[in-house]
Amino acid sequence: MTKQDISENQANNIYLGIGSNLGNRKLNIEKAKFFLNQSNINCIKISEYYETPSWPDPSKPKFLNLVLKVNCNYNPIDLLKMCKVIEFKLGRREGVKNSPRICDIDIIDFNGLILNEGLTLPHKLMHKRNFVLLPLFEIEKQWLHPLFNIDLKKLIYSLPNKDIRSIKKL
């Protein structure tokens, strides 16, 4: 049996993905982590940084991404609202879908909850994204997809070879 941190027993376990492909990408992500912490969203584990081509248009600037395991006392909708506030503080404005952005914070998983109203949980495309699966595997090897009940290794092996080759751990 693995010994749990006391703080993990007091709040929800959530996985967030943070990405940036505009400006000082690393600084943008570090600022997002700071604002999360200031909002009582506490980091438990943090992956390394991963760089990937922009999707769906690889001619756009490359993304820098990481995944966080966090806990907080927010419900999923309030957490989403807080993530949007942080993105706005960092300079993100609504634009064309998938356009370059200063900061993007996605809720990947919230305690294994399955939702389809107001917020889709787990994140609807996370199982197809190398920049989510590989950093998530780094920090939580035993994670199972709540909807598909498939482990991370199988999800990673199901990625196209080009997705495996195109990601770079920094």
N, C-alpha and C. Protein backbone atom coordinates (compact mmCIF):
# COMPACT_ATOMS: atom_id res chain seq x y z
N MET A 1 0.84 -1.18 0.00
CA MET A 1 0.00 0.00 0.00
C MET A 1 0.89 1.24 0.00
N THR A 2 0.56 2.18 -0.87
CA THR A 2 1.33 3.41 -0.98
C THR A 2 0.84 4.41 0.05
N LYS A 3 1.77 5.04 0.71
CA LYS A 3 1.41 6.06 1.70
C LYS A 3 0.98 7.32 0.97
N GLN A 4 -0.22 7.81 1.28
CA GLN A 4 -0.73 9.02 0.66
C GLN A 4 -0.35 10.24 1.46
N ASP A 5 -0.11 11.32 0.75
CA ASP A 5 0.12 12.60 1.39
C ASP A 5 -1.19 13.02 2.08
N ILE A 6 -1.09 13.57 3.26
CA ILE A 6 -2.28 13.96 4.02
C ILE A 6 -3.16 14.91 3.22
N SER A 7 -2.55 15.84 2.48
CA SER A 7 -3.34 16.80 1.71
C SER A 7 -4.16 16.12 0.63
N GLU A 8 -3.73 14.97 0.13
CA GLU A 8 -4.49 14.27 -0.91
C GLU A 8 -5.82 13.75 -0.37
N ASN A 9 -5.90 13.51 0.93
CA ASN A 9 -7.13 13.00 1.51
C ASN A 9 -8.15 14.10 1.77
N GLN A 10 -7.75 15.33 1.68
CA GLN A 10 -8.61 16.44 2.06
C GLN A 10 -9.29 17.12 0.88
N ALA A 11 -8.92 16.80 -0.33
CA ALA A 11 -9.48 17.51 -1.47
C ALA A 11 -9.46 16.60 -2.70
N ASN A 12 -10.00 17.12 -3.78
CA ASN A 12 -10.08 16.36 -5.03
C ASN A 12 -8.73 16.20 -5.70
N ASN A 13 -8.52 15.06 -6.37
CA ASN A 13 -7.34 14.87 -7.21
C ASN A 13 -7.73 15.14 -8.65
N ILE A 14 -6.99 16.04 -9.25
CA ILE A 14 -7.32 16.52 -10.59
C ILE A 14 -6.04 16.54 -11.42
N TYR A 15 -6.20 16.30 -12.72
CA TYR A 15 -5.07 16.40 -13.65
C TYR A 15 -5.37 17.54 -14.61
N LEU A 16 -4.43 18.48 -14.69
CA LEU A 16 -4.55 19.63 -15.58
C LEU A 16 -3.44 19.59 -16.61
N GLY A 17 -3.77 19.95 -17.82
CA GLY A 17 -2.76 20.15 -18.86
C GLY A 17 -2.61 21.63 -19.09
N ILE A 18 -1.36 22.09 -19.17
CA ILE A 18 -1.10 23.51 -19.45
C ILE A 18 -0.20 23.58 -20.68
N GLY A 19 -0.57 24.44 -21.62
CA GLY A 19 0.22 24.61 -22.82
C GLY A 19 0.34 26.06 -23.21
N SER A 20 1.39 26.37 -23.98
CA SER A 20 1.62 27.72 -24.48
C SER A 20 2.41 27.63 -25.77
N ASN A 21 2.03 28.46 -26.76
CA ASN A 21 2.86 28.54 -27.97
C ASN A 21 3.03 29.98 -28.47
N LEU A 22 2.87 30.93 -27.56
CA LEU A 22 3.13 32.33 -27.88
C LEU A 22 4.00 32.96 -26.80
N GLY A 23 4.90 33.84 -27.21
CA GLY A 23 5.73 34.56 -26.24
C GLY A 23 6.71 33.62 -25.54
N ASN A 24 7.04 33.95 -24.30
CA ASN A 24 7.94 33.13 -23.50
C ASN A 24 7.11 31.98 -22.93
N ARG A 25 7.08 30.87 -23.65
CA ARG A 25 6.19 29.75 -23.33
C ARG A 25 6.41 29.23 -21.91
N LYS A 26 7.66 29.05 -21.54
CA LYS A 26 7.95 28.50 -20.22
C LYS A 26 7.50 29.47 -19.12
N LEU A 27 7.78 30.75 -19.30
CA LEU A 27 7.36 31.76 -18.33
C LEU A 27 5.83 31.81 -18.23
N ASN A 28 5.14 31.70 -19.36
CA ASN A 28 3.68 31.69 -19.35
C ASN A 28 3.15 30.53 -18.50
N ILE A 29 3.75 29.36 -18.66
CA ILE A 29 3.31 28.18 -17.90
C ILE A 29 3.66 28.34 -16.43
N GLU A 30 4.83 28.88 -16.14
CA GLU A 30 5.22 29.09 -14.73
C GLU A 30 4.27 30.10 -14.06
N LYS A 31 3.89 31.13 -14.79
CA LYS A 31 2.93 32.10 -14.24
C LYS A 31 1.57 31.43 -14.00
N ALA A 32 1.15 30.56 -14.92
CA ALA A 32 -0.11 29.83 -14.74
C ALA A 32 -0.05 28.98 -13.48
N LYS A 33 1.07 28.30 -13.26
CA LYS A 33 1.23 27.49 -12.05
C LYS A 33 1.17 28.37 -10.80
N PHE A 34 1.78 29.55 -10.86
CA PHE A 34 1.75 30.48 -9.74
C PHE A 34 0.31 30.91 -9.43
N PHE A 35 -0.44 31.29 -10.48
CA PHE A 35 -1.83 31.73 -10.28
C PHE A 35 -2.72 30.59 -9.79
N LEU A 36 -2.46 29.38 -10.25
CA LEU A 36 -3.21 28.23 -9.73
C LEU A 36 -2.98 28.11 -8.23
N ASN A 37 -1.72 28.19 -7.83
CA ASN A 37 -1.38 28.09 -6.41
C ASN A 37 -2.03 29.22 -5.61
N GLN A 38 -2.01 30.42 -6.16
CA GLN A 38 -2.64 31.57 -5.49
C GLN A 38 -4.14 31.40 -5.35
N SER A 39 -4.72 30.54 -6.17
CA SER A 39 -6.17 30.28 -6.16
C SER A 39 -6.52 29.03 -5.35
N ASN A 40 -5.58 28.59 -4.50
CA ASN A 40 -5.77 27.40 -3.67
C ASN A 40 -5.96 26.13 -4.48
N ILE A 41 -5.27 26.06 -5.60
CA ILE A 41 -5.18 24.85 -6.41
C ILE A 41 -3.75 24.38 -6.24
N ASN A 42 -3.56 23.33 -5.45
CA ASN A 42 -2.24 22.93 -5.00
C ASN A 42 -1.64 21.82 -5.86
N CYS A 43 -0.42 22.06 -6.36
CA CYS A 43 0.29 21.07 -7.16
C CYS A 43 0.83 19.96 -6.27
N ILE A 44 0.56 18.72 -6.68
CA ILE A 44 1.09 17.55 -5.99
C ILE A 44 2.25 16.97 -6.78
N LYS A 45 2.07 16.89 -8.12
CA LYS A 45 3.11 16.39 -9.02
C LYS A 45 3.10 17.23 -10.28
N ILE A 46 4.28 17.39 -10.87
CA ILE A 46 4.43 18.19 -12.08
C ILE A 46 5.32 17.42 -13.04
N SER A 47 4.86 17.26 -14.28
CA SER A 47 5.68 16.58 -15.28
C SER A 47 6.79 17.51 -15.77
N GLU A 48 7.70 16.95 -16.53
CA GLU A 48 8.68 17.75 -17.25
C GLU A 48 7.94 18.50 -18.37
N TYR A 49 8.65 19.40 -19.04
CA TYR A 49 8.10 20.10 -20.19
C TYR A 49 8.24 19.21 -21.42
N TYR A 50 7.23 19.30 -22.29
CA TYR A 50 7.23 18.57 -23.56
C TYR A 50 6.93 19.55 -24.67
N GLU A 51 7.68 19.45 -25.78
CA GLU A 51 7.46 20.32 -26.92
C GLU A 51 6.87 19.51 -28.07
N THR A 52 5.84 20.07 -28.71
CA THR A 52 5.18 19.40 -29.82
C THR A 52 4.84 20.42 -30.91
N PRO A 53 4.72 19.93 -32.14
CA PRO A 53 4.23 20.82 -33.19
C PRO A 53 2.82 21.28 -32.86
N SER A 54 2.46 22.44 -33.34
CA SER A 54 1.11 22.96 -33.14
C SER A 54 0.12 22.06 -33.87
N TRP A 55 -1.04 21.87 -33.26
CA TRP A 55 -2.08 21.05 -33.88
C TRP A 55 -3.32 21.91 -34.05
N PRO A 56 -4.00 21.86 -35.14
CA PRO A 56 -3.84 20.96 -36.28
C PRO A 56 -2.91 21.50 -37.36
N ASP A 57 -2.35 22.70 -37.16
CA ASP A 57 -1.51 23.33 -38.18
C ASP A 57 -0.06 23.40 -37.70
N PRO A 58 0.79 22.45 -38.12
CA PRO A 58 2.18 22.43 -37.64
C PRO A 58 3.03 23.61 -38.10
N SER A 59 2.50 24.47 -38.99
CA SER A 59 3.27 25.65 -39.41
C SER A 59 3.20 26.75 -38.35
N LYS A 60 2.29 26.63 -37.41
CA LYS A 60 2.17 27.58 -36.29
C LYS A 60 3.29 27.30 -35.28
N PRO A 61 3.54 28.23 -34.34
CA PRO A 61 4.62 28.01 -33.35
C PRO A 61 4.40 26.73 -32.54
N LYS A 62 5.51 26.08 -32.18
CA LYS A 62 5.45 24.85 -31.39
C LYS A 62 4.89 25.12 -30.00
N PHE A 63 4.24 24.10 -29.45
CA PHE A 63 3.69 24.19 -28.10
C PHE A 63 4.68 23.65 -27.08
N LEU A 64 4.66 24.24 -25.92
CA LEU A 64 5.30 23.71 -24.74
C LEU A 64 4.16 23.30 -23.81
N ASN A 65 4.22 22.07 -23.29
CA ASN A 65 3.14 21.53 -22.46
C ASN A 65 3.70 20.82 -21.25
N LEU A 66 2.86 20.72 -20.22
CA LEU A 66 3.12 19.85 -19.09
C LEU A 66 1.80 19.44 -18.48
N VAL A 67 1.84 18.46 -17.60
CA VAL A 67 0.65 18.01 -16.89
C VAL A 67 0.91 18.12 -15.40
N LEU A 68 -0.09 18.58 -14.68
CA LEU A 68 -0.03 18.72 -13.23
C LEU A 68 -1.04 17.79 -12.58
N LYS A 69 -0.66 17.21 -11.47
CA LYS A 69 -1.64 16.58 -10.59
C LYS A 69 -1.85 17.60 -9.49
N VAL A 70 -3.10 18.01 -9.30
CA VAL A 70 -3.41 19.04 -8.31
C VAL A 70 -4.55 18.57 -7.42
N ASN A 71 -4.72 19.26 -6.32
CA ASN A 71 -5.95 19.08 -5.54
C ASN A 71 -6.47 20.44 -5.16
N CYS A 72 -7.78 20.48 -4.94
CA CYS A 72 -8.44 21.72 -4.56
C CYS A 72 -9.82 21.37 -4.02
N ASN A 73 -10.49 22.36 -3.52
CA ASN A 73 -11.84 22.16 -3.01
C ASN A 73 -12.90 22.72 -3.95
N TYR A 74 -12.52 23.02 -5.19
CA TYR A 74 -13.48 23.49 -6.19
C TYR A 74 -14.25 22.31 -6.77
N ASN A 75 -15.48 22.58 -7.22
CA ASN A 75 -16.18 21.59 -8.04
C ASN A 75 -15.68 21.77 -9.47
N PRO A 76 -15.97 20.84 -10.38
CA PRO A 76 -15.41 20.94 -11.73
C PRO A 76 -15.74 22.24 -12.48
N ILE A 77 -16.96 22.72 -12.37
CA ILE A 77 -17.35 23.95 -13.10
C ILE A 77 -16.63 25.16 -12.53
N ASP A 78 -16.52 25.25 -11.20
CA ASP A 78 -15.79 26.37 -10.60
C ASP A 78 -14.31 26.31 -10.93
N LEU A 79 -13.75 25.10 -11.00
CA LEU A 79 -12.35 24.97 -11.40
C LEU A 79 -12.17 25.44 -12.84
N LEU A 80 -13.08 25.07 -13.72
CA LEU A 80 -13.01 25.53 -15.11
C LEU A 80 -13.05 27.06 -15.18
N LYS A 81 -13.96 27.66 -14.41
CA LYS A 81 -14.05 29.13 -14.37
C LYS A 81 -12.74 29.74 -13.89
N MET A 82 -12.13 29.15 -12.86
CA MET A 82 -10.86 29.67 -12.34
C MET A 82 -9.76 29.55 -13.39
N CYS A 83 -9.73 28.43 -14.12
CA CYS A 83 -8.73 28.26 -15.18
C CYS A 83 -8.91 29.32 -16.26
N LYS A 84 -10.16 29.63 -16.60
CA LYS A 84 -10.43 30.67 -17.61
C LYS A 84 -9.99 32.05 -17.11
N VAL A 85 -10.20 32.33 -15.82
CA VAL A 85 -9.74 33.60 -15.23
C VAL A 85 -8.22 33.69 -15.33
N ILE A 86 -7.52 32.62 -15.02
CA ILE A 86 -6.06 32.62 -15.08
C ILE A 86 -5.59 32.81 -16.52
N GLU A 87 -6.20 32.11 -17.46
CA GLU A 87 -5.83 32.31 -18.87
C GLU A 87 -6.00 33.78 -19.26
N PHE A 88 -7.10 34.40 -18.84
CA PHE A 88 -7.36 35.81 -19.15
C PHE A 88 -6.30 36.70 -18.51
N LYS A 89 -5.95 36.44 -17.24
CA LYS A 89 -4.91 37.23 -16.55
C LYS A 89 -3.60 37.19 -17.32
N LEU A 90 -3.32 36.06 -17.95
CA LEU A 90 -2.08 35.89 -18.69
C LEU A 90 -2.14 36.49 -20.09
N GLY A 91 -3.32 36.99 -20.48
CA GLY A 91 -3.43 37.66 -21.77
C GLY A 91 -4.18 36.90 -22.84
N ARG A 92 -4.72 35.73 -22.52
CA ARG A 92 -5.46 34.98 -23.53
C ARG A 92 -6.80 35.65 -23.79
N ARG A 93 -7.13 35.77 -25.07
CA ARG A 93 -8.40 36.32 -25.48
C ARG A 93 -9.04 35.32 -26.44
N GLU A 94 -10.37 35.38 -26.53
CA GLU A 94 -11.07 34.47 -27.44
C GLU A 94 -10.60 34.75 -28.87
N GLY A 95 -10.38 33.70 -29.61
CA GLY A 95 -9.94 33.84 -30.99
C GLY A 95 -10.40 32.64 -31.80
N VAL A 96 -9.79 32.47 -32.94
CA VAL A 96 -10.11 31.35 -33.80
C VAL A 96 -9.72 30.05 -33.10
N LYS A 97 -10.57 29.03 -33.20
CA LYS A 97 -10.30 27.74 -32.55
C LYS A 97 -8.94 27.21 -33.01
N ASN A 98 -8.16 26.71 -32.05
CA ASN A 98 -6.82 26.13 -32.26
C ASN A 98 -5.78 27.14 -32.74
N SER A 99 -6.06 28.44 -32.58
CA SER A 99 -5.06 29.44 -32.95
C SER A 99 -3.99 29.49 -31.86
N PRO A 100 -2.80 30.05 -32.18
CA PRO A 100 -1.75 30.16 -31.16
C PRO A 100 -2.27 30.92 -29.93
N ARG A 101 -1.76 30.53 -28.75
CA ARG A 101 -2.24 31.15 -27.52
C ARG A 101 -1.14 31.22 -26.47
N ILE A 102 -1.29 32.24 -25.63
CA ILE A 102 -0.35 32.48 -24.54
C ILE A 102 -0.44 31.36 -23.52
N CYS A 103 -1.66 30.95 -23.20
CA CYS A 103 -1.84 29.91 -22.19
C CYS A 103 -3.16 29.19 -22.41
N ASP A 104 -3.11 27.89 -22.26
CA ASP A 104 -4.29 27.04 -22.35
C ASP A 104 -4.24 26.08 -21.16
N ILE A 105 -5.26 26.10 -20.34
CA ILE A 105 -5.34 25.19 -19.19
C ILE A 105 -6.55 24.29 -19.38
N ASP A 106 -6.31 23.00 -19.49
CA ASP A 106 -7.39 22.03 -19.68
C ASP A 106 -7.51 21.13 -18.47
N ILE A 107 -8.74 20.83 -18.08
CA ILE A 107 -8.97 19.83 -17.05
C ILE A 107 -9.00 18.48 -17.77
N ILE A 108 -8.02 17.65 -17.49
CA ILE A 108 -7.89 16.35 -18.14
C ILE A 108 -8.79 15.33 -17.44
N ASP A 109 -8.74 15.32 -16.12
CA ASP A 109 -9.51 14.37 -15.32
C ASP A 109 -9.79 15.00 -13.96
N PHE A 110 -10.97 14.76 -13.44
CA PHE A 110 -11.37 15.28 -12.14
C PHE A 110 -11.93 14.11 -11.34
N ASN A 111 -11.07 13.47 -10.56
CA ASN A 111 -11.48 12.35 -9.70
C ASN A 111 -12.17 11.22 -10.45
N GLY A 112 -11.86 11.05 -11.74
CA GLY A 112 -12.49 9.99 -12.51
C GLY A 112 -13.93 10.26 -12.88
N LEU A 113 -14.37 11.49 -12.68
CA LEU A 113 -15.75 11.88 -12.96
C LEU A 113 -16.02 11.86 -14.47
N ILE A 114 -17.21 11.43 -14.84
CA ILE A 114 -17.64 11.45 -16.24
C ILE A 114 -18.76 12.48 -16.35
N LEU A 115 -18.51 13.53 -17.12
CA LEU A 115 -19.47 14.62 -17.32
C LEU A 115 -19.60 14.94 -18.80
N ASN A 116 -20.78 15.39 -19.20
CA ASN A 116 -20.99 15.81 -20.59
C ASN A 116 -21.82 17.08 -20.70
N GLU A 117 -22.03 17.78 -19.59
CA GLU A 117 -22.81 19.01 -19.62
C GLU A 117 -22.02 20.15 -19.00
N GLY A 118 -21.83 21.23 -19.76
CA GLY A 118 -21.09 22.38 -19.27
C GLY A 118 -19.58 22.17 -19.33
N LEU A 119 -19.17 20.95 -19.21
CA LEU A 119 -17.76 20.57 -19.21
C LEU A 119 -17.73 19.08 -19.54
N THR A 120 -16.82 18.67 -20.42
CA THR A 120 -16.69 17.25 -20.75
C THR A 120 -15.52 16.68 -19.97
N LEU A 121 -15.81 15.68 -19.16
CA LEU A 121 -14.78 14.98 -18.38
C LEU A 121 -14.95 13.48 -18.56
N PRO A 122 -13.83 12.76 -18.69
CA PRO A 122 -12.49 13.31 -18.89
C PRO A 122 -12.43 14.12 -20.19
N HIS A 123 -11.37 14.90 -20.36
CA HIS A 123 -11.23 15.72 -21.56
C HIS A 123 -11.46 14.84 -22.79
N LYS A 124 -12.32 15.31 -23.69
CA LYS A 124 -12.79 14.45 -24.78
C LYS A 124 -11.72 14.00 -25.77
N LEU A 125 -10.62 14.71 -25.89
CA LEU A 125 -9.57 14.31 -26.84
C LEU A 125 -8.27 13.88 -26.18
N MET A 126 -8.26 13.85 -24.85
CA MET A 126 -6.99 13.57 -24.16
C MET A 126 -6.38 12.24 -24.56
N HIS A 127 -7.19 11.25 -24.86
CA HIS A 127 -6.68 9.91 -25.18
C HIS A 127 -6.00 9.85 -26.55
N LYS A 128 -6.08 10.94 -27.32
CA LYS A 128 -5.46 11.00 -28.65
C LYS A 128 -4.29 11.99 -28.69
N ARG A 129 -3.95 12.56 -27.56
CA ARG A 129 -2.96 13.64 -27.56
C ARG A 129 -1.66 13.22 -26.86
N ASN A 130 -0.59 13.21 -27.65
CA ASN A 130 0.71 12.83 -27.10
C ASN A 130 1.15 13.77 -25.99
N PHE A 131 0.81 15.06 -26.12
CA PHE A 131 1.25 16.06 -25.13
C PHE A 131 0.46 15.99 -23.83
N VAL A 132 -0.55 15.14 -23.77
CA VAL A 132 -1.25 14.84 -22.52
C VAL A 132 -0.81 13.47 -22.00
N LEU A 133 -0.83 12.47 -22.87
CA LEU A 133 -0.57 11.09 -22.43
C LEU A 133 0.84 10.88 -21.89
N LEU A 134 1.86 11.39 -22.58
CA LEU A 134 3.23 11.15 -22.12
C LEU A 134 3.56 11.87 -20.82
N PRO A 135 3.21 13.16 -20.66
CA PRO A 135 3.47 13.78 -19.37
C PRO A 135 2.61 13.19 -18.24
N LEU A 136 1.39 12.77 -18.55
CA LEU A 136 0.54 12.14 -17.54
C LEU A 136 1.15 10.81 -17.10
N PHE A 137 1.67 10.04 -18.05
CA PHE A 137 2.34 8.78 -17.72
C PHE A 137 3.55 9.02 -16.82
N GLU A 138 4.27 10.10 -17.10
CA GLU A 138 5.45 10.44 -16.29
C GLU A 138 5.10 10.61 -14.82
N ILE A 139 3.95 11.23 -14.52
CA ILE A 139 3.61 11.52 -13.12
C ILE A 139 2.62 10.55 -12.50
N GLU A 140 1.92 9.75 -13.33
CA GLU A 140 0.88 8.86 -12.77
C GLU A 140 0.73 7.62 -13.64
N LYS A 141 1.73 6.74 -13.58
CA LYS A 141 1.79 5.57 -14.45
C LYS A 141 0.57 4.65 -14.34
N GLN A 142 -0.10 4.63 -13.20
CA GLN A 142 -1.22 3.72 -12.98
C GLN A 142 -2.58 4.32 -13.35
N TRP A 143 -2.61 5.53 -13.92
CA TRP A 143 -3.86 6.18 -14.24
C TRP A 143 -4.65 5.37 -15.27
N LEU A 144 -5.95 5.28 -15.07
CA LEU A 144 -6.86 4.62 -16.02
C LEU A 144 -7.84 5.64 -16.57
N HIS A 145 -8.13 5.55 -17.86
CA HIS A 145 -9.12 6.43 -18.47
C HIS A 145 -10.48 6.09 -17.87
N PRO A 146 -11.14 7.05 -17.21
CA PRO A 146 -12.40 6.77 -16.52
C PRO A 146 -13.53 6.25 -17.41
N LEU A 147 -13.57 6.69 -18.64
CA LEU A 147 -14.65 6.29 -19.55
C LEU A 147 -14.34 4.97 -20.25
N PHE A 148 -13.11 4.81 -20.72
CA PHE A 148 -12.73 3.63 -21.49
C PHE A 148 -12.14 2.51 -20.64
N ASN A 149 -11.76 2.83 -19.40
CA ASN A 149 -11.10 1.88 -18.50
C ASN A 149 -9.86 1.26 -19.15
N ILE A 150 -9.06 2.11 -19.79
CA ILE A 150 -7.84 1.70 -20.48
C ILE A 150 -6.67 2.41 -19.82
N ASP A 151 -5.57 1.68 -19.60
CA ASP A 151 -4.41 2.30 -18.95
C ASP A 151 -3.61 3.15 -19.93
N LEU A 152 -2.74 3.96 -19.36
CA LEU A 152 -1.96 4.91 -20.16
C LEU A 152 -1.06 4.23 -21.18
N LYS A 153 -0.43 3.12 -20.83
CA LYS A 153 0.46 2.45 -21.79
C LYS A 153 -0.30 2.08 -23.05
N LYS A 154 -1.49 1.51 -22.90
CA LYS A 154 -2.28 1.13 -24.07
C LYS A 154 -2.69 2.36 -24.88
N LEU A 155 -3.04 3.43 -24.19
CA LEU A 155 -3.40 4.66 -24.90
C LEU A 155 -2.20 5.22 -25.67
N ILE A 156 -1.03 5.19 -25.05
CA ILE A 156 0.18 5.68 -25.72
C ILE A 156 0.52 4.81 -26.92
N TYR A 157 0.44 3.48 -26.75
CA TYR A 157 0.73 2.57 -27.86
C TYR A 157 -0.26 2.72 -29.01
N SER A 158 -1.44 3.26 -28.74
CA SER A 158 -2.44 3.43 -29.80
C SER A 158 -2.21 4.71 -30.61
N LEU A 159 -1.29 5.57 -30.16
CA LEU A 159 -0.99 6.80 -30.90
C LEU A 159 -0.28 6.46 -32.21
N PRO A 160 -0.52 7.25 -33.25
CA PRO A 160 0.24 7.06 -34.50
C PRO A 160 1.74 7.29 -34.25
N ASN A 161 2.58 6.58 -35.00
CA ASN A 161 4.04 6.71 -34.84
C ASN A 161 4.51 8.15 -34.99
N LYS A 162 3.88 8.89 -35.90
CA LYS A 162 4.31 10.29 -36.10
C LYS A 162 4.09 11.12 -34.83
N ASP A 163 3.06 10.79 -34.05
CA ASP A 163 2.81 11.51 -32.79
C ASP A 163 3.86 11.16 -31.74
N ILE A 164 4.31 9.93 -31.74
CA ILE A 164 5.36 9.52 -30.79
C ILE A 164 6.68 10.19 -31.17
N ARG A 165 6.97 10.24 -32.47
CA ARG A 165 8.24 10.82 -32.93
C ARG A 165 8.27 12.34 -32.82
N SER A 166 7.10 12.99 -32.84
CA SER A 166 7.07 14.45 -32.91
C SER A 166 7.15 15.14 -31.55
N ILE A 167 7.09 14.39 -30.45
CA ILE A 167 7.13 15.00 -29.14
C ILE A 167 8.55 14.93 -28.58
N LYS A 168 8.95 16.01 -27.91
CA LYS A 168 10.30 16.08 -27.37
C LYS A 168 10.23 16.51 -25.92
N LYS A 169 10.81 15.70 -25.02
CA LYS A 169 10.88 16.06 -23.62
C LYS A 169 12.04 17.02 -23.43
N LEU A 170 11.79 18.14 -22.76
CA LEU A 170 12.85 19.14 -22.57
C LEU A 170 13.45 19.05 -21.17
